[in-house]
Amino acid sequence: MQLFYNPNINETTENFSFDKEESKHIIKVLRKKDNDILYVTNGLGYLFKTEITLASDNKCTVKIISFEKTAPSKFNLHLAVAPTKMNDRFEWFLEKATEIGIYEITPIICDRSERKVINNERFDKILLTAMKQSNVLFLPKLNKAIYFKEFIKQKREGLSFIAHCEETNKKTLKSALEINKNVTVLIGPEGDFSEKEIELALDNNYVPVSLGNTRLRTETAAIVACHSVVFVNEA
């Protein structure tokens, strides 16, 4: 199934048109024509079956034939991840996390962060492309970058963890998880969290966890955490 996206449609929508860029792709590249079927999501768990009523490469118009809604997961996974020095690594993380099933992502700026500016517009496009390519019906929420000290003071529901590399008493993330509980996991930059950041997290009731016996890159650690939470909740 090839999936398309329109954030403005819902259960009451009867007809809508794609923008010029998407219309051109549908008609010129995919060579769709009148009466062809397209499947569309609004990124909120809905799958709409539509039929082309006007095959125009400027304004492809469709009517909704039927729709179904996927129930949201019983838990929300929120990863707060320090942006990597190389943008392509963070982009890889965004793509794979979307495929696995993440709910929310917040880039956090840490004491040892080498990258402190991110391009939300580009990252949003990567999330959208990954959602469509993997036939996921929920578009992850990408927040603006925030400093670690500000993020850590925000109240969170559910379980809160910080994954770091310091040799301290830590649980494995897998053993610390509980089914159907919201989860927030902090993943640090290439140089790891500073001692002050770890102490601040602990003071704010974050539980220190390990993601394995090897030292992982930031983007790898984020994917391991993402997969672990989803895997445990699917068991």
Foldseek 3Di string as FASTA:
>chain_A
DFEAEDQPDDPPAFKAKDALVVLLCVCVVVVDDFQDWHWYANQQFKIFIWTFHHSDSHITMITTDDMDGDDDFLAAEEEAFAQAPDNVLVLVLLLLLLLLPHAEYEHEDAPPHPDDDDDVVVSQVSQVVSCRVNVNRHRHYYDYYYYLVVVLPDDDFFAAAEEWDDPDDAAALLVPDDASTYYYYYFYYQVTHDPVSVVSNVVSVHGYHYLDDDDDHRSVSSSSNSNSRSVSNVD
